[in-house]
Protein backbone atom coordinates (compact mmCIF):
# COMPACT_ATOMS: atom_id res chain seq x y z
CA MET A 1 99.44 99.41 74.70
CA GLU A 2 102.62 99.07 76.72
CA LYS A 3 103.25 102.81 76.37
CA ALA A 4 99.75 103.58 77.65
CA LEU A 5 100.25 101.34 80.67
CA HIS A 6 103.55 103.06 81.49
CA GLU A 7 101.83 106.45 81.29
CA ILE A 8 99.07 105.29 83.64
CA ARG A 9 101.65 103.93 86.08
CA ASP A 10 103.60 107.17 86.00
CA GLN A 11 100.50 109.33 86.52
CA THR A 12 99.03 107.23 89.35
CA ALA A 13 101.23 108.80 92.02
CA ASP A 14 99.81 112.24 91.29
CA THR A 15 96.28 111.57 90.08
CA ASN A 16 94.86 108.52 91.87
CA ILE A 17 93.19 109.58 95.13
CA PHE A 18 93.38 106.05 96.54
CA LEU A 19 96.81 104.87 95.41
CA GLY A 20 98.56 108.16 94.78
CA THR A 21 101.25 109.59 97.00
CA LYS A 22 100.66 113.25 96.15
CA ASP A 23 99.09 114.19 99.50
CA LEU A 24 101.72 112.34 101.51
CA ARG A 25 104.56 114.00 99.60
CA MET A 26 102.95 117.44 99.95
CA TRP A 27 102.51 117.18 103.74
CA GLN A 28 105.96 115.67 104.25
CA GLU A 29 107.45 118.55 102.28
CA ARG A 30 105.60 121.08 104.44
CA LEU A 31 106.98 119.41 107.55
CA SER A 32 110.51 119.39 106.14
CA GLN A 33 110.28 123.13 105.43
CA ALA A 34 109.16 123.94 108.97
CA THR A 35 111.40 126.10 111.09
CA ALA A 36 111.65 126.75 114.81
CA ASP A 37 109.22 129.63 114.24
CA THR A 38 106.53 127.42 112.69
CA PRO A 39 103.51 127.38 115.04
CA LYS A 40 103.13 124.08 116.88
CA ASP A 41 99.47 123.79 115.97
CA GLN A 42 100.33 123.90 112.27
CA MET A 43 103.01 121.25 112.81
CA ALA A 44 100.50 119.01 114.60
CA ILE A 45 97.94 119.36 111.83
CA ALA A 46 100.54 118.67 109.14
CA MET A 47 101.76 115.58 111.01
CA ARG A 48 98.17 114.40 111.34
CA ARG A 49 97.71 114.76 107.58
CA VAL A 50 100.90 112.74 107.00
CA GLY A 51 99.51 109.98 109.21
CA ILE A 52 96.17 109.92 107.42
CA ALA A 53 97.88 109.78 104.02
CA GLN A 54 100.07 106.92 105.25
CA LEU A 55 97.00 105.00 106.39
CA ARG A 56 95.39 105.41 102.99
CA LEU A 57 98.50 103.93 101.41
CA GLY A 58 98.58 100.95 103.77
CA GLN A 59 101.59 102.19 105.74
CA GLU A 60 100.05 101.32 109.09
CA LYS A 61 103.19 101.28 111.25
CA GLU A 62 104.37 104.62 109.94
CA ALA A 63 100.87 106.06 110.27
CA VAL A 64 100.59 105.05 113.92
CA GLN A 65 103.92 106.74 114.62
CA SER A 66 102.94 109.89 112.73
CA LEU A 67 99.53 110.12 114.38
CA GLY A 68 101.14 109.56 117.77
CA ARG A 69 103.55 112.41 117.12
CA ALA A 70 100.66 114.57 115.93
CA PHE A 71 98.82 113.85 119.17
CA GLN A 72 101.87 114.83 121.24
CA MET A 73 102.39 117.99 119.19
CA ALA A 74 98.71 118.86 119.62
CA ARG A 75 99.02 118.51 123.38
CA GLU A 76 102.07 120.79 123.39
CA ALA A 77 100.21 123.30 121.20
CA LYS A 78 97.17 123.01 123.48
CA LEU A 79 94.87 122.20 120.57
CA LYS A 80 91.33 121.21 121.40
CA PRO A 81 90.49 117.53 120.75
CA GLU A 82 87.95 118.44 118.05
CA GLU A 83 90.69 120.19 116.11
CA LEU A 84 92.36 116.81 115.63
CA GLY A 85 89.11 114.87 115.50
CA GLU A 86 89.53 113.75 111.90
CA SER A 87 92.39 111.50 113.06
CA LEU A 88 89.93 109.41 115.04
CA PHE A 89 88.09 108.28 111.92
CA PHE A 90 91.02 106.95 109.87
């Protein structure tokens, strides 16, 4: 039983859509691999996804910072508000 519980714990990060950190890690990795040539609109969208993933994990302070940065990046990239609209619902 203990072994089964350890396996569940270890798999949660990658398989649980509510408690897992898979999405957050994926989007953070994409941001870390960005270069000066990465389009600003893609950076803004990736930062927005980081913020949404942080909210889902209860990381409110970090999420507010990430979503704020995403908003600023979107302004610089001249994205339309509806292109970042999903951020308004999380």
